[in-house]
All heavy atoms as atom14 arrays in JSON, in Angstrom:
{
  "sequence": "VLASGCKGPEKVVSAYEEENYNKDIYRGPLF",
  "atom14_mask": [
    [1, 1, 1, 1, 1, 1, 1, 0, 0, 0, 0, 0, 0, 0],
    [1, 1, 1, 1, 1, 1, 1, 1, 0, 0, 0, 0, 0, 0],
    [1, 1, 1, 1, 1, 0, 0, 0, 0, 0, 0, 0, 0, 0],
    [1, 1, 1, 1, 1, 1, 0, 0, 0, 0, 0, 0, 0, 0],
    [1, 1, 1, 1, 0, 0, 0, 0, 0, 0, 0, 0, 0, 0],
    [1, 1, 1, 1, 1, 1, 0, 0, 0, 0, 0, 0, 0, 0],
    [1, 1, 1, 1, 1, 1, 1, 1, 1, 0, 0, 0, 0, 0],
    [1, 1, 1, 1, 0, 0, 0, 0, 0, 0, 0, 0, 0, 0],
    [1, 1, 1, 1, 1, 1, 1, 0, 0, 0, 0, 0, 0, 0],
    [1, 1, 1, 1, 1, 1, 1, 1, 1, 0, 0, 0, 0, 0],
    [1, 1, 1, 1, 1, 1, 1, 1, 1, 0, 0, 0, 0, 0],
    [1, 1, 1, 1, 1, 1, 1, 0, 0, 0, 0, 0, 0, 0],
    [1, 1, 1, 1, 1, 1, 1, 0, 0, 0, 0, 0, 0, 0],
    [1, 1, 1, 1, 1, 1, 0, 0, 0, 0, 0, 0, 0, 0],
    [1, 1, 1, 1, 1, 0, 0, 0, 0, 0, 0, 0, 0, 0],
    [1, 1, 1, 1, 1, 1, 1, 1, 1, 1, 1, 1, 0, 0],
    [1, 1, 1, 1, 1, 1, 1, 1, 1, 0, 0, 0, 0, 0],
    [1, 1, 1, 1, 1, 1, 1, 1, 1, 0, 0, 0, 0, 0],
    [1, 1, 1, 1, 1, 1, 1, 1, 1, 0, 0, 0, 0, 0],
    [1, 1, 1, 1, 1, 1, 1, 1, 0, 0, 0, 0, 0, 0],
    [1, 1, 1, 1, 1, 1, 1, 1, 1, 1, 1, 1, 0, 0],
    [1, 1, 1, 1, 1, 1, 1, 1, 0, 0, 0, 0, 0, 0],
    [1, 1, 1, 1, 1, 1, 1, 1, 1, 0, 0, 0, 0, 0],
    [1, 1, 1, 1, 1, 1, 1, 1, 0, 0, 0, 0, 0, 0],
    [1, 1, 1, 1, 1, 1, 1, 1, 0, 0, 0, 0, 0, 0],
    [1, 1, 1, 1, 1, 1, 1, 1, 1, 1, 1, 1, 0, 0],
    [1, 1, 1, 1, 1, 1, 1, 1, 1, 1, 1, 0, 0, 0],
    [1, 1, 1, 1, 0, 0, 0, 0, 0, 0, 0, 0, 0, 0],
    [1, 1, 1, 1, 1, 1, 1, 0, 0, 0, 0, 0, 0, 0],
    [1, 1, 1, 1, 1, 1, 1, 1, 0, 0, 0, 0, 0, 0],
    [1, 1, 1, 1, 1, 1, 1, 1, 1, 1, 1, 0, 0, 0]
  ],
  "atom14_positions": [
    [[27.05, 0.81, 2.75], [28.31, 1.29, 2.16], [28.6, 2.72, 2.59], [29.7, 3.06, 3.02], [28.25, 1.2, 0.61], [29.46, 1.9, 0.0], [28.2, -0.25, 0.18], [0.0, 0.0, 0.0], [0.0, 0.0, 0.0], [0.0, 0.0, 0.0], [0.0, 0.0, 0.0], [0.0, 0.0, 0.0], [0.0, 0.0, 0.0], [0.0, 0.0, 0.0]],
    [[27.56, 3.57, 2.49], [27.74, 4.97, 2.85], [28.1, 5.13, 4.32], [28.93, 5.94, 4.7], [26.47, 5.77, 2.52], [26.15, 5.89, 1.02], [24.8, 6.55, 0.83], [27.25, 6.66, 0.29], [0.0, 0.0, 0.0], [0.0, 0.0, 0.0], [0.0, 0.0, 0.0], [0.0, 0.0, 0.0], [0.0, 0.0, 0.0], [0.0, 0.0, 0.0]],
    [[27.45, 4.3, 5.14], [27.69, 4.39, 6.58], [29.05, 3.84, 6.97], [29.58, 4.13, 8.02], [26.59, 3.65, 7.33], [0.0, 0.0, 0.0], [0.0, 0.0, 0.0], [0.0, 0.0, 0.0], [0.0, 0.0, 0.0], [0.0, 0.0, 0.0], [0.0, 0.0, 0.0], [0.0, 0.0, 0.0], [0.0, 0.0, 0.0], [0.0, 0.0, 0.0]],
    [[29.62, 3.03, 6.11], [30.87, 2.35, 6.45], [32.11, 3.17, 6.12], [33.22, 2.75, 6.37], [30.95, 1.0, 5.73], [31.06, 1.22, 4.35], [0.0, 0.0, 0.0], [0.0, 0.0, 0.0], [0.0, 0.0, 0.0], [0.0, 0.0, 0.0], [0.0, 0.0, 0.0], [0.0, 0.0, 0.0], [0.0, 0.0, 0.0], [0.0, 0.0, 0.0]],
    [[31.93, 4.31, 5.51], [33.07, 5.15, 5.19], [33.8, 4.66, 3.97], [33.27, 4.6, 2.88], [0.0, 0.0, 0.0], [0.0, 0.0, 0.0], [0.0, 0.0, 0.0], [0.0, 0.0, 0.0], [0.0, 0.0, 0.0], [0.0, 0.0, 0.0], [0.0, 0.0, 0.0], [0.0, 0.0, 0.0], [0.0, 0.0, 0.0], [0.0, 0.0, 0.0]],
    [[35.1, 4.32, 4.14], [35.97, 4.0, 3.0], [36.05, 2.52, 2.68], [36.85, 2.11, 1.84], [37.39, 4.54, 3.28], [37.45, 6.34, 3.43], [0.0, 0.0, 0.0], [0.0, 0.0, 0.0], [0.0, 0.0, 0.0], [0.0, 0.0, 0.0], [0.0, 0.0, 0.0], [0.0, 0.0, 0.0], [0.0, 0.0, 0.0], [0.0, 0.0, 0.0]],
    [[35.29, 1.68, 3.34], [35.37, 0.24, 3.05], [34.88, -0.03, 1.63], [33.98, 0.63, 1.14], [34.5, -0.56, 4.03], [35.04, -0.54, 5.46], [34.14, -1.37, 6.35], [34.63, -1.35, 7.8], [33.76, -2.12, 8.7], [0.0, 0.0, 0.0], [0.0, 0.0, 0.0], [0.0, 0.0, 0.0], [0.0, 0.0, 0.0], [0.0, 0.0, 0.0]],
    [[35.47, -1.03, 0.99], [35.06, -1.38, -0.36], [33.62, -1.85, -0.4], [33.18, -2.6, 0.47], [0.0, 0.0, 0.0], [0.0, 0.0, 0.0], [0.0, 0.0, 0.0], [0.0, 0.0, 0.0], [0.0, 0.0, 0.0], [0.0, 0.0, 0.0], [0.0, 0.0, 0.0], [0.0, 0.0, 0.0], [0.0, 0.0, 0.0], [0.0, 0.0, 0.0]],
    [[32.83, -1.43, -1.4], [31.42, -1.81, -1.48], [31.23, -3.32, -1.63], [30.27, -3.87, -1.12], [30.92, -1.06, -2.72], [32.15, -0.73, -3.51], [33.22, -0.53, -2.49], [0.0, 0.0, 0.0], [0.0, 0.0, 0.0], [0.0, 0.0, 0.0], [0.0, 0.0, 0.0], [0.0, 0.0, 0.0], [0.0, 0.0, 0.0], [0.0, 0.0, 0.0]],
    [[32.17, -4.0, -2.31], [32.02, -5.44, -2.48], [32.05, -6.16, -1.14], [31.27, -7.07, -0.89], [33.15, -5.99, -3.39], [33.09, -5.5, -4.82], [33.8, -4.15, -4.99], [34.27, -3.6, -3.94], [33.86, -3.65, -6.11], [0.0, 0.0, 0.0], [0.0, 0.0, 0.0], [0.0, 0.0, 0.0], [0.0, 0.0, 0.0], [0.0, 0.0, 0.0]],
    [[32.94, -5.72, -0.25], [33.06, -6.37, 1.06], [31.83, -6.11, 1.91], [31.34, -6.98, 2.63], [34.31, -5.88, 1.78], [35.61, -6.36, 1.16], [36.81, -5.9, 1.97], [38.12, -6.41, 1.34], [39.3, -5.96, 2.11], [0.0, 0.0, 0.0], [0.0, 0.0, 0.0], [0.0, 0.0, 0.0], [0.0, 0.0, 0.0], [0.0, 0.0, 0.0]],
    [[31.31, -4.89, 1.84], [30.14, -4.54, 2.65], [28.91, -5.31, 2.19], [28.16, -5.85, 2.99], [29.88, -3.01, 2.58], [28.59, -2.67, 3.32], [31.05, -2.26, 3.19], [0.0, 0.0, 0.0], [0.0, 0.0, 0.0], [0.0, 0.0, 0.0], [0.0, 0.0, 0.0], [0.0, 0.0, 0.0], [0.0, 0.0, 0.0], [0.0, 0.0, 0.0]],
    [[28.7, -5.35, 0.86], [27.55, -6.09, 0.34], [27.66, -7.56, 0.67], [26.69, -8.22, 1.04], [27.42, -5.88, -1.19], [26.35, -6.8, -1.76], [27.06, -4.42, -1.48], [0.0, 0.0, 0.0], [0.0, 0.0, 0.0], [0.0, 0.0, 0.0], [0.0, 0.0, 0.0], [0.0, 0.0, 0.0], [0.0, 0.0, 0.0], [0.0, 0.0, 0.0]],
    [[28.88, -8.11, 0.56], [29.09, -9.52, 0.9], [28.75, -9.79, 2.35], [28.1, -10.78, 2.69], [30.55, -9.89, 0.61], [30.79, -11.23, 1.02], [0.0, 0.0, 0.0], [0.0, 0.0, 0.0], [0.0, 0.0, 0.0], [0.0, 0.0, 0.0], [0.0, 0.0, 0.0], [0.0, 0.0, 0.0], [0.0, 0.0, 0.0], [0.0, 0.0, 0.0]],
    [[29.16, -8.88, 3.22], [28.85, -9.05, 4.65], [27.35, -8.96, 4.9], [26.78, -9.71, 5.69], [29.6, -7.99, 5.46], [0.0, 0.0, 0.0], [0.0, 0.0, 0.0], [0.0, 0.0, 0.0], [0.0, 0.0, 0.0], [0.0, 0.0, 0.0], [0.0, 0.0, 0.0], [0.0, 0.0, 0.0], [0.0, 0.0, 0.0], [0.0, 0.0, 0.0]],
    [[26.69, -8.04, 4.16], [25.23, -7.88, 4.31], [24.5, -9.15, 3.89], [23.59, -9.63, 4.57], [24.77, -6.7, 3.46], [23.27, -6.47, 3.52], [22.72, -5.71, 4.55], [22.42, -7.01, 2.56], [21.35, -5.5, 4.61], [21.06, -6.81, 2.62], [20.53, -6.04, 3.65], [19.18, -5.86, 3.73], [0.0, 0.0, 0.0], [0.0, 0.0, 0.0]],
    [[24.91, -9.71, 2.76], [24.28, -10.94, 2.28], [24.5, -12.1, 3.24], [23.6, -12.88, 3.52], [24.83, -11.29, 0.89], [24.38, -10.34, -0.19], [24.98, -10.69, -1.54], [25.94, -11.49, -1.55], [24.49, -10.18, -2.55], [0.0, 0.0, 0.0], [0.0, 0.0, 0.0], [0.0, 0.0, 0.0], [0.0, 0.0, 0.0], [0.0, 0.0, 0.0]],
    [[25.74, -12.19, 3.73], [26.07, -13.29, 4.65], [25.23, -13.21, 5.92], [24.77, -14.22, 6.44], [27.55, -13.25, 4.99], [28.02, -14.43, 5.81], [29.53, -14.44, 5.98], [30.23, -14.17, 4.98], [29.99, -14.69, 7.1], [0.0, 0.0, 0.0], [0.0, 0.0, 0.0], [0.0, 0.0, 0.0], [0.0, 0.0, 0.0], [0.0, 0.0, 0.0]],
    [[25.01, -11.98, 6.38], [24.25, -11.79, 7.62], [22.77, -12.05, 7.43], [22.1, -12.63, 8.28], [24.44, -10.37, 8.14], [23.64, -10.08, 9.42], [23.77, -8.64, 9.85], [24.58, -7.89, 9.25], [23.05, -8.25, 10.8], [0.0, 0.0, 0.0], [0.0, 0.0, 0.0], [0.0, 0.0, 0.0], [0.0, 0.0, 0.0], [0.0, 0.0, 0.0]],
    [[22.22, -11.66, 6.28], [20.77, -11.67, 6.1], [20.23, -12.84, 5.31], [19.07, -13.19, 5.46], [20.33, -10.37, 5.43], [20.44, -9.18, 6.37], [19.56, -8.97, 7.2], [21.53, -8.43, 6.26], [0.0, 0.0, 0.0], [0.0, 0.0, 0.0], [0.0, 0.0, 0.0], [0.0, 0.0, 0.0], [0.0, 0.0, 0.0], [0.0, 0.0, 0.0]],
    [[21.04, -13.47, 4.43], [20.51, -14.54, 3.6], [20.63, -15.92, 4.24], [20.05, -16.86, 3.76], [21.21, -14.57, 2.24], [20.88, -13.4, 1.35], [21.58, -13.19, 0.17], [19.87, -12.5, 1.69], [21.29, -12.1, -0.65], [19.57, -11.42, 0.88], [20.29, -11.23, -0.28], [20.0, -10.17, -1.08], [0.0, 0.0, 0.0], [0.0, 0.0, 0.0]],
    [[21.39, -16.05, 5.28], [21.6, -17.36, 5.89], [20.73, -17.57, 7.13], [21.17, -18.05, 8.15], [23.08, -17.54, 6.26], [23.95, -17.6, 5.02], [23.52, -18.12, 4.01], [25.15, -17.05, 5.11], [0.0, 0.0, 0.0], [0.0, 0.0, 0.0], [0.0, 0.0, 0.0], [0.0, 0.0, 0.0], [0.0, 0.0, 0.0], [0.0, 0.0, 0.0]],
    [[19.5, -17.13, 7.03], [18.58, -17.24, 8.17], [17.43, -18.16, 7.8], [17.06, -18.3, 6.64], [18.03, -15.86, 8.55], [19.1, -14.93, 9.12], [18.48, -13.6, 9.52], [19.52, -12.67, 10.14], [18.94, -11.36, 10.51], [0.0, 0.0, 0.0], [0.0, 0.0, 0.0], [0.0, 0.0, 0.0], [0.0, 0.0, 0.0], [0.0, 0.0, 0.0]],
    [[16.81, -18.76, 8.84], [15.71, -19.69, 8.61], [14.52, -19.03, 7.93], [13.72, -19.7, 7.29], [15.26, -20.31, 9.95], [16.23, -21.36, 10.43], [17.04, -21.81, 9.6], [16.21, -21.69, 11.62], [0.0, 0.0, 0.0], [0.0, 0.0, 0.0], [0.0, 0.0, 0.0], [0.0, 0.0, 0.0], [0.0, 0.0, 0.0], [0.0, 0.0, 0.0]],
    [[14.41, -17.69, 8.05], [13.28, -17.02, 7.42], [13.31, -17.22, 5.9], [12.29, -17.22, 5.24], [13.26, -15.53, 7.79], [11.97, -14.87, 7.31], [14.45, -14.78, 7.18], [11.78, -13.46, 7.81], [0.0, 0.0, 0.0], [0.0, 0.0, 0.0], [0.0, 0.0, 0.0], [0.0, 0.0, 0.0], [0.0, 0.0, 0.0], [0.0, 0.0, 0.0]],
    [[14.5, -17.43, 5.35], [14.61, -17.65, 3.91], [14.43, -19.11, 3.56], [13.94, -19.44, 2.48], [15.97, -17.15, 3.4], [16.09, -15.65, 3.47], [16.77, -15.04, 4.52], [15.51, -14.84, 2.5], [16.87, -13.65, 4.6], [15.6, -13.46, 2.57], [16.28, -12.86, 3.61], [16.36, -11.5, 3.68], [0.0, 0.0, 0.0], [0.0, 0.0, 0.0]],
    [[14.87, -19.99, 4.44], [14.77, -21.43, 4.15], [13.4, -21.96, 4.56], [12.7, -22.54, 3.75], [15.9, -22.17, 4.88], [17.28, -21.86, 4.33], [18.3, -22.83, 4.87], [18.42, -22.78, 6.3], [19.29, -22.0, 6.94], [20.09, -21.2, 6.26], [19.38, -22.0, 8.26], [0.0, 0.0, 0.0], [0.0, 0.0, 0.0], [0.0, 0.0, 0.0]],
    [[13.05, -21.77, 5.83], [11.76, -22.24, 6.32], [11.74, -23.74, 6.49], [12.43, -24.47, 5.79], [0.0, 0.0, 0.0], [0.0, 0.0, 0.0], [0.0, 0.0, 0.0], [0.0, 0.0, 0.0], [0.0, 0.0, 0.0], [0.0, 0.0, 0.0], [0.0, 0.0, 0.0], [0.0, 0.0, 0.0], [0.0, 0.0, 0.0], [0.0, 0.0, 0.0]],
    [[10.92, -24.26, 7.44], [10.81, -25.7, 7.62], [10.0, -26.32, 6.49], [9.07, -25.71, 5.97], [10.06, -25.81, 8.96], [9.27, -24.55, 9.06], [10.11, -23.49, 8.4], [0.0, 0.0, 0.0], [0.0, 0.0, 0.0], [0.0, 0.0, 0.0], [0.0, 0.0, 0.0], [0.0, 0.0, 0.0], [0.0, 0.0, 0.0], [0.0, 0.0, 0.0]],
    [[10.36, -27.52, 6.09], [9.61, -28.24, 5.08], [8.38, -28.87, 5.72], [8.46, -29.45, 6.8], [10.48, -29.32, 4.44], [11.7, -28.81, 3.67], [12.55, -29.98, 3.22], [11.27, -27.96, 2.49], [0.0, 0.0, 0.0], [0.0, 0.0, 0.0], [0.0, 0.0, 0.0], [0.0, 0.0, 0.0], [0.0, 0.0, 0.0], [0.0, 0.0, 0.0]],
    [[7.22, -28.79, 5.02], [5.99, -29.33, 5.58], [6.12, -30.81, 5.89], [5.62, -31.29, 6.9], [4.83, -29.11, 4.59], [3.54, -29.7, 5.06], [2.72, -29.0, 5.92], [3.14, -30.97, 4.67], [1.53, -29.53, 6.37], [1.96, -31.52, 5.11], [1.15, -30.79, 5.98], [0.0, 0.0, 0.0], [0.0, 0.0, 0.0], [0.0, 0.0, 0.0]]
  ]
}
């Protein structure tokens, strides 16, 4: 948020979650 200047914090956090939570490292393969 701080690095983004005047962008709304809700949009920045949403973008962060979208980028980082939708990766296989969170899901992982089922045994």
